[in-house]
């Protein structure tokens, strides 16, 4: 079968009608396991050693040529992959020009001076979106992301027939389409794309973003968060499945991405206290919230909201994150950027009269030059930067 649509900016999800069982049988997965020393290589003397096989798999998924001439070259030579490369290059270039470059400029001028040294970045309800986290916070030692999708595995691309490769790249395209155009994932699309298809979770999409950020993968391990809040090797079905990816950019010190799957409602966190214990051990951290479905506005997510407020030293978010009323002036300095308007129709309950009043104060709001959050079409993006005040 050929690909129905390649460009993320023009594509809509379609039902491909292929058997998941049949595809899995013809499509063995590369497990996320610790890397052996023999798998490590370094491109130049003094650089951090990295796994060139994992890195090349990520690069080819991202429409980039493999570094090793004898690694995945048969895949890169296929017309279907070359078409994917051309169109994904165009989509990535467009998003970089229209959004990513502006985000970097704003980050350097407004955000980085406030962040300072960053140990851990906490990104709740993220899905596989390491992209926005890294664009805005490139200097953190550890990135902790979590959502509803499974961590997943990388595919054995070299074992796919041309037709199956075409199907797989179509799934990648669908999964990335919302983020490249809107700059956020739609949960119901993500659950369909990564759970009910051959993507098998978030690892392939996170690998695409890391490759496009010019990162090299040092190692990847399938882990879990146990009831004591410790990361360990998988083995308990009741634990939260996790994936740890260590990566490096420009030969610099390795950075770690931890993604885990967990329900964040109060009831679920009480049943699985290890998640809260794990998050508390990362404190103090910087928190990033974007397109979070206004979940933290509801009483069902009060445990997570209270944890973030208690353990964060800085919170960057749009209006869908922690409600404005939870940032008293005695404890937080809050800078406002962009514009504020009523939430999109799916989230009418998220309107904040006090935030609207704050945005109406003359000369109190700074401009924003990029789209961010649900109002991506209208240029009415809201960004709040909350910095905890120092206590004497």
Foldseek 3Di string as FASTA:
>chain_A
DAAPDQALQPDDDDDPPDDQVVLCVLWPFDAFAWDDPVQWDDPDPLFDTARQLLLQLLQLLLLHHRPDCPHCVVVCPDPLSNVNNVNSVVLVVVLCVFFLVQLLVCLVPPNDVQCDQFAEEEEEQAFLPVQVVCSNPVRYQEYEYEHAWAAFTGIPSVSDDPVSNNVLSSLLSQQCSCCSQQVGGDVVSNCCSQVVHPVGTNNSVNSSSCVVVQKGWRHKHWWWQALQLDTGHDDDPVTWIKMKIWIDHPSDDIHIYIYTYADQFPVRCVVRVSNVNNVQVSFLHEYEYAQNLLPLVDPRRVVVLVSVVVGYQKYKYWLSHHHPVVQDPVWKDKAKEAADDQDPPVRNVSDDPVVNVQRPDPPRYHYRSAATHDPRPPRRTIIMMIGTDDDD
